[in-house]
Amino acid sequence: MKIVSMDGVPPEAVGGALFPDGAVTRRSVLTRGDSQQLSFTLLTFAPGAKNAWHTHTGDQVVLVTRGRARVGTAQEEHVVTANDVVFFPAGEVHFHAGEGDEPAAFLSITVQGTTTDVVDR
């Protein structure tokens, strides 16, 4: 068993090609040393922050925990709020973004070892 207080996991700024627009932080809860099957990360997007269009080689489940976020695929976009769950199947091109005046936070759960590829759109 592992119990984690999110207050005890320091946020780290993320950037690069996946996070070019605005301030985004990450708190990694489960890492390769913890689970052979799951990756579990808390991401916080500053208002207006958006990541690049991308895909994952494994499925991704996102649980919004705070604020309002925008999620989208090539076919549709939605504003989601706390307690909404979004499922992105492996290979689906999508993005996540902060929406509104407050930060948006969500838990991202993926298959351990999943890779993320930025795509042109």
N, C-alpha and C. Protein backbone atom coordinates (compact mmCIF):
# COMPACT_ATOMS: atom_id res chain seq x y z
N MET A 1 0.85 -1.17 0.00
CA MET A 1 0.00 0.00 0.00
C MET A 1 0.89 1.23 0.00
N LYS A 2 0.42 2.23 -0.69
CA LYS A 2 1.09 3.53 -0.71
C LYS A 2 0.03 4.60 -0.52
N ILE A 3 0.23 5.46 0.43
CA ILE A 3 -0.68 6.58 0.66
C ILE A 3 0.10 7.86 0.41
N VAL A 4 -0.46 8.74 -0.40
CA VAL A 4 0.23 9.97 -0.77
C VAL A 4 -0.63 11.16 -0.44
N SER A 5 -0.08 12.12 0.29
CA SER A 5 -0.73 13.41 0.46
C SER A 5 -0.23 14.30 -0.67
N MET A 6 -1.14 14.79 -1.49
CA MET A 6 -0.72 15.62 -2.63
C MET A 6 0.02 16.86 -2.16
N ASP A 7 -0.25 17.32 -0.93
CA ASP A 7 0.47 18.47 -0.40
C ASP A 7 1.95 18.16 -0.21
N GLY A 8 2.29 16.88 -0.08
CA GLY A 8 3.68 16.49 0.12
C GLY A 8 4.44 16.22 -1.16
N VAL A 9 3.78 16.31 -2.30
CA VAL A 9 4.43 16.09 -3.59
C VAL A 9 4.68 17.45 -4.23
N PRO A 10 5.92 17.88 -4.31
CA PRO A 10 6.18 19.22 -4.85
C PRO A 10 5.85 19.31 -6.34
N PRO A 11 5.22 20.40 -6.75
CA PRO A 11 4.96 20.58 -8.18
C PRO A 11 6.25 20.91 -8.92
N GLU A 12 6.35 20.41 -10.13
CA GLU A 12 7.48 20.75 -10.98
C GLU A 12 6.95 21.36 -12.28
N ALA A 13 7.57 22.42 -12.72
CA ALA A 13 7.16 23.07 -13.97
C ALA A 13 7.46 22.14 -15.13
N VAL A 14 6.55 22.08 -16.08
CA VAL A 14 6.78 21.30 -17.29
C VAL A 14 6.77 22.25 -18.48
N GLY A 15 7.49 21.90 -19.50
CA GLY A 15 7.59 22.74 -20.68
C GLY A 15 7.89 21.88 -21.88
N GLY A 16 8.67 22.42 -22.78
CA GLY A 16 9.03 21.68 -23.98
C GLY A 16 7.93 21.69 -25.02
N ALA A 17 8.08 20.81 -25.97
CA ALA A 17 7.16 20.78 -27.12
C ALA A 17 5.72 20.46 -26.71
N LEU A 18 5.54 19.66 -25.65
CA LEU A 18 4.18 19.29 -25.25
C LEU A 18 3.47 20.42 -24.51
N PHE A 19 4.22 21.26 -23.81
CA PHE A 19 3.62 22.33 -23.00
C PHE A 19 4.18 23.69 -23.39
N PRO A 20 3.91 24.17 -24.60
CA PRO A 20 4.49 25.44 -25.04
C PRO A 20 3.74 26.68 -24.61
N ASP A 21 2.47 26.55 -24.23
CA ASP A 21 1.61 27.72 -24.02
C ASP A 21 1.12 27.84 -22.58
N GLY A 22 1.84 28.61 -21.77
CA GLY A 22 1.37 28.89 -20.42
C GLY A 22 1.99 27.99 -19.38
N ALA A 23 1.70 28.32 -18.14
CA ALA A 23 2.29 27.62 -17.01
C ALA A 23 1.52 26.35 -16.68
N VAL A 24 2.24 25.24 -16.67
CA VAL A 24 1.67 23.96 -16.29
C VAL A 24 2.63 23.31 -15.31
N THR A 25 2.08 22.74 -14.22
CA THR A 25 2.91 22.00 -13.28
C THR A 25 2.43 20.56 -13.20
N ARG A 26 3.36 19.71 -12.75
CA ARG A 26 3.07 18.29 -12.65
C ARG A 26 3.49 17.79 -11.27
N ARG A 27 2.68 16.92 -10.71
CA ARG A 27 3.03 16.21 -9.48
C ARG A 27 2.88 14.73 -9.79
N SER A 28 3.99 14.04 -9.87
CA SER A 28 3.96 12.61 -10.18
C SER A 28 3.68 11.83 -8.91
N VAL A 29 2.58 11.09 -8.91
CA VAL A 29 2.15 10.36 -7.73
C VAL A 29 2.66 8.92 -7.79
N LEU A 30 2.37 8.21 -8.87
CA LEU A 30 2.89 6.87 -9.08
C LEU A 30 3.93 6.92 -10.18
N THR A 31 5.07 6.33 -9.93
CA THR A 31 6.15 6.30 -10.91
C THR A 31 6.46 4.84 -11.25
N ARG A 32 7.40 4.63 -12.14
CA ARG A 32 7.76 3.27 -12.55
C ARG A 32 8.15 2.40 -11.38
N GLY A 33 8.76 3.00 -10.36
CA GLY A 33 9.15 2.23 -9.18
C GLY A 33 7.96 1.81 -8.33
N ASP A 34 6.83 2.47 -8.49
CA ASP A 34 5.64 2.17 -7.68
C ASP A 34 4.72 1.16 -8.35
N SER A 35 4.54 1.28 -9.64
CA SER A 35 3.57 0.44 -10.34
C SER A 35 4.13 -0.01 -11.68
N GLN A 36 3.91 -1.25 -11.99
CA GLN A 36 4.31 -1.78 -13.30
C GLN A 36 3.24 -1.52 -14.35
N GLN A 37 2.04 -1.08 -13.92
CA GLN A 37 0.93 -0.96 -14.84
C GLN A 37 0.39 0.44 -15.03
N LEU A 38 0.50 1.32 -14.00
CA LEU A 38 -0.14 2.62 -14.07
C LEU A 38 0.83 3.76 -13.85
N SER A 39 0.55 4.86 -14.53
CA SER A 39 1.19 6.14 -14.27
C SER A 39 0.08 7.08 -13.82
N PHE A 40 0.32 7.83 -12.75
CA PHE A 40 -0.74 8.63 -12.12
C PHE A 40 -0.13 9.98 -11.80
N THR A 41 -0.61 11.04 -12.45
CA THR A 41 0.00 12.36 -12.34
C THR A 41 -1.09 13.41 -12.14
N LEU A 42 -0.81 14.39 -11.27
CA LEU A 42 -1.69 15.54 -11.12
C LEU A 42 -1.10 16.69 -11.93
N LEU A 43 -1.85 17.19 -12.90
CA LEU A 43 -1.43 18.32 -13.73
C LEU A 43 -2.28 19.53 -13.37
N THR A 44 -1.63 20.68 -13.25
CA THR A 44 -2.35 21.93 -13.00
C THR A 44 -2.02 22.92 -14.10
N PHE A 45 -3.06 23.42 -14.76
CA PHE A 45 -2.92 24.37 -15.85
C PHE A 45 -3.31 25.76 -15.35
N ALA A 46 -2.44 26.73 -15.52
CA ALA A 46 -2.79 28.12 -15.22
C ALA A 46 -3.90 28.55 -16.18
N PRO A 47 -4.68 29.56 -15.82
CA PRO A 47 -5.72 30.03 -16.74
C PRO A 47 -5.14 30.30 -18.14
N GLY A 48 -5.76 29.71 -19.14
CA GLY A 48 -5.33 29.91 -20.52
C GLY A 48 -4.20 29.02 -20.99
N ALA A 49 -3.55 28.29 -20.09
CA ALA A 49 -2.46 27.39 -20.50
C ALA A 49 -3.03 26.23 -21.31
N LYS A 50 -2.30 25.83 -22.33
CA LYS A 50 -2.76 24.76 -23.21
C LYS A 50 -1.57 23.91 -23.62
N ASN A 51 -1.78 22.61 -23.72
CA ASN A 51 -0.69 21.81 -24.25
C ASN A 51 -0.89 21.62 -25.75
N ALA A 52 0.15 21.11 -26.38
CA ALA A 52 0.12 20.90 -27.83
C ALA A 52 -0.79 19.71 -28.15
N TRP A 53 -1.24 19.66 -29.38
CA TRP A 53 -1.96 18.49 -29.86
C TRP A 53 -1.01 17.31 -29.74
N HIS A 54 -1.52 16.19 -29.24
CA HIS A 54 -0.64 15.05 -29.01
C HIS A 54 -1.44 13.75 -28.98
N THR A 55 -0.71 12.65 -28.97
CA THR A 55 -1.29 11.32 -28.82
C THR A 55 -0.50 10.57 -27.75
N HIS A 56 -1.10 9.51 -27.23
CA HIS A 56 -0.42 8.61 -26.31
C HIS A 56 -0.48 7.21 -26.91
N THR A 57 0.55 6.41 -26.63
CA THR A 57 0.55 5.03 -27.12
C THR A 57 -0.33 4.12 -26.28
N GLY A 58 -0.77 4.60 -25.12
CA GLY A 58 -1.70 3.87 -24.27
C GLY A 58 -2.91 4.74 -23.95
N ASP A 59 -3.96 4.13 -23.46
CA ASP A 59 -5.15 4.88 -23.07
C ASP A 59 -4.82 5.92 -21.99
N GLN A 60 -5.61 7.01 -21.94
CA GLN A 60 -5.49 8.01 -20.90
C GLN A 60 -6.88 8.31 -20.33
N VAL A 61 -6.96 8.34 -19.00
CA VAL A 61 -8.16 8.76 -18.30
C VAL A 61 -7.81 10.03 -17.54
N VAL A 62 -8.65 11.05 -17.66
CA VAL A 62 -8.44 12.32 -16.98
C VAL A 62 -9.64 12.57 -16.06
N LEU A 63 -9.35 12.85 -14.78
CA LEU A 63 -10.38 13.22 -13.82
C LEU A 63 -10.12 14.66 -13.40
N VAL A 64 -11.04 15.55 -13.74
CA VAL A 64 -10.89 16.96 -13.38
C VAL A 64 -11.15 17.09 -11.88
N THR A 65 -10.22 17.70 -11.16
CA THR A 65 -10.36 17.83 -9.70
C THR A 65 -10.62 19.25 -9.25
N ARG A 66 -10.32 20.23 -10.12
CA ARG A 66 -10.52 21.63 -9.74
C ARG A 66 -10.63 22.48 -10.99
N GLY A 67 -11.48 23.50 -10.92
CA GLY A 67 -11.57 24.48 -11.99
C GLY A 67 -12.30 23.98 -13.22
N ARG A 68 -12.06 24.70 -14.31
CA ARG A 68 -12.64 24.38 -15.61
C ARG A 68 -11.51 24.15 -16.59
N ALA A 69 -11.67 23.13 -17.41
CA ALA A 69 -10.67 22.80 -18.42
C ALA A 69 -11.36 22.61 -19.75
N ARG A 70 -10.60 22.79 -20.81
CA ARG A 70 -11.09 22.51 -22.16
C ARG A 70 -10.31 21.31 -22.67
N VAL A 71 -11.04 20.36 -23.24
CA VAL A 71 -10.42 19.19 -23.84
C VAL A 71 -10.96 19.08 -25.26
N GLY A 72 -10.14 18.56 -26.14
CA GLY A 72 -10.61 18.47 -27.51
C GLY A 72 -9.90 17.42 -28.32
N THR A 73 -10.58 17.01 -29.37
CA THR A 73 -10.02 16.14 -30.40
C THR A 73 -10.21 16.85 -31.73
N ALA A 74 -9.81 16.22 -32.79
CA ALA A 74 -10.00 16.82 -34.11
C ALA A 74 -11.48 17.00 -34.42
N GLN A 75 -12.34 16.21 -33.78
CA GLN A 75 -13.77 16.25 -34.09
C GLN A 75 -14.61 17.11 -33.13
N GLU A 76 -14.13 17.31 -31.90
CA GLU A 76 -14.98 18.00 -30.93
C GLU A 76 -14.16 18.62 -29.80
N GLU A 77 -14.76 19.63 -29.14
CA GLU A 77 -14.18 20.25 -27.96
C GLU A 77 -15.27 20.36 -26.90
N HIS A 78 -14.83 20.27 -25.62
CA HIS A 78 -15.76 20.38 -24.51
C HIS A 78 -15.10 21.11 -23.36
N VAL A 79 -15.90 21.85 -22.59
CA VAL A 79 -15.44 22.40 -21.31
C VAL A 79 -15.87 21.40 -20.26
N VAL A 80 -14.92 21.00 -19.41
CA VAL A 80 -15.19 20.04 -18.35
C VAL A 80 -14.85 20.68 -17.01
N THR A 81 -15.50 20.21 -15.96
CA THR A 81 -15.31 20.79 -14.63
C THR A 81 -15.07 19.67 -13.61
N ALA A 82 -14.83 20.09 -12.37
CA ALA A 82 -14.54 19.15 -11.30
C ALA A 82 -15.53 17.98 -11.30
N ASN A 83 -14.97 16.79 -11.16
CA ASN A 83 -15.68 15.52 -11.12
C ASN A 83 -16.05 14.96 -12.49
N ASP A 84 -15.70 15.66 -13.57
CA ASP A 84 -15.88 15.09 -14.90
C ASP A 84 -14.69 14.18 -15.21
N VAL A 85 -14.98 13.10 -15.93
CA VAL A 85 -13.96 12.15 -16.35
C VAL A 85 -13.95 12.11 -17.86
N VAL A 86 -12.74 12.17 -18.44
CA VAL A 86 -12.58 12.14 -19.89
C VAL A 86 -11.69 10.95 -20.23
N PHE A 87 -12.08 10.18 -21.22
CA PHE A 87 -11.29 9.03 -21.69
C PHE A 87 -10.78 9.31 -23.09
N PHE A 88 -9.47 9.19 -23.28
CA PHE A 88 -8.84 9.29 -24.59
C PHE A 88 -8.24 7.93 -24.93
N PRO A 89 -8.77 7.24 -25.94
CA PRO A 89 -8.17 5.96 -26.31
C PRO A 89 -6.78 6.16 -26.91
N ALA A 90 -5.96 5.16 -26.82
CA ALA A 90 -4.61 5.20 -27.39
C ALA A 90 -4.68 5.66 -28.83
N GLY A 91 -3.79 6.58 -29.20
CA GLY A 91 -3.69 7.05 -30.58
C GLY A 91 -4.60 8.20 -30.94
N GLU A 92 -5.54 8.58 -30.07
CA GLU A 92 -6.44 9.68 -30.40
C GLU A 92 -5.72 11.02 -30.23
N VAL A 93 -5.75 11.85 -31.26
CA VAL A 93 -5.12 13.17 -31.22
C VAL A 93 -6.00 14.08 -30.37
N HIS A 94 -5.40 14.75 -29.36
CA HIS A 94 -6.19 15.57 -28.45
C HIS A 94 -5.33 16.63 -27.78
N PHE A 95 -5.99 17.50 -26.99
CA PHE A 95 -5.29 18.50 -26.17
C PHE A 95 -6.06 18.69 -24.88
N HIS A 96 -5.39 19.38 -23.92
CA HIS A 96 -6.00 19.79 -22.65
C HIS A 96 -5.63 21.25 -22.46
N ALA A 97 -6.51 22.03 -21.81
CA ALA A 97 -6.21 23.46 -21.58
C ALA A 97 -6.95 23.95 -20.34
N GLY A 98 -6.37 24.96 -19.70
CA GLY A 98 -7.07 25.66 -18.62
C GLY A 98 -8.13 26.56 -19.23
N GLU A 99 -9.24 26.72 -18.54
CA GLU A 99 -10.35 27.51 -19.06
C GLU A 99 -10.86 28.39 -17.93
N GLY A 100 -11.05 29.65 -18.18
CA GLY A 100 -11.58 30.53 -17.15
C GLY A 100 -10.49 31.28 -16.41
N ASP A 101 -10.85 31.81 -15.24
CA ASP A 101 -9.95 32.68 -14.47
C ASP A 101 -9.19 31.97 -13.37
N GLU A 102 -9.48 30.72 -13.12
CA GLU A 102 -8.83 29.95 -12.05
C GLU A 102 -8.02 28.81 -12.66
N PRO A 103 -7.00 28.34 -11.95
CA PRO A 103 -6.27 27.17 -12.45
C PRO A 103 -7.19 25.96 -12.57
N ALA A 104 -6.87 25.09 -13.49
CA ALA A 104 -7.58 23.83 -13.66
C ALA A 104 -6.62 22.70 -13.32
N ALA A 105 -7.10 21.74 -12.55
CA ALA A 105 -6.26 20.61 -12.17
C ALA A 105 -6.96 19.32 -12.55
N PHE A 106 -6.17 18.34 -12.99
CA PHE A 106 -6.75 17.03 -13.25
C PHE A 106 -5.73 15.94 -13.02
N LEU A 107 -6.27 14.78 -12.66
CA LEU A 107 -5.46 13.59 -12.51
C LEU A 107 -5.42 12.89 -13.86
N SER A 108 -4.22 12.58 -14.30
CA SER A 108 -4.03 11.87 -15.55
C SER A 108 -3.54 10.47 -15.22
N ILE A 109 -4.29 9.48 -15.69
CA ILE A 109 -3.93 8.08 -15.46
C ILE A 109 -3.66 7.45 -16.81
N THR A 110 -2.47 6.90 -16.97
CA THR A 110 -2.10 6.24 -18.22
C THR A 110 -1.47 4.89 -17.91
N VAL A 111 -1.30 4.11 -18.94
CA VAL A 111 -0.60 2.84 -18.84
C VAL A 111 0.88 3.14 -18.65
N GLN A 112 1.52 2.47 -17.69
CA GLN A 112 2.94 2.67 -17.46
C GLN A 112 3.73 2.38 -18.74
N GLY A 113 4.67 3.23 -19.05
CA GLY A 113 5.47 3.07 -20.27
C GLY A 113 4.87 3.73 -21.49
N THR A 114 3.70 4.33 -21.35
CA THR A 114 3.08 5.04 -22.47
C THR A 114 3.98 6.18 -22.91
N THR A 115 4.11 6.36 -24.20
CA THR A 115 4.84 7.50 -24.71
C THR A 115 3.85 8.51 -25.29
N THR A 116 4.27 9.76 -25.29
CA THR A 116 3.44 10.85 -25.79
C THR A 116 4.14 11.47 -26.98
N ASP A 117 3.42 11.66 -28.05
CA ASP A 117 3.98 12.26 -29.25
C ASP A 117 3.21 13.51 -29.62
N VAL A 118 3.92 14.62 -29.77
CA VAL A 118 3.32 15.87 -30.23
C VAL A 118 3.07 15.73 -31.73
N VAL A 119 1.89 16.19 -32.18
CA VAL A 119 1.55 16.09 -33.60
C VAL A 119 1.24 17.48 -34.14
N ASP A 120 1.50 17.68 -35.40
CA ASP A 120 1.15 18.94 -36.07
C ASP A 120 -0.35 18.92 -36.36
N ARG A 121 -0.96 20.08 -36.17
CA ARG A 121 -2.39 20.20 -36.47
C ARG A 121 -2.66 21.49 -37.13
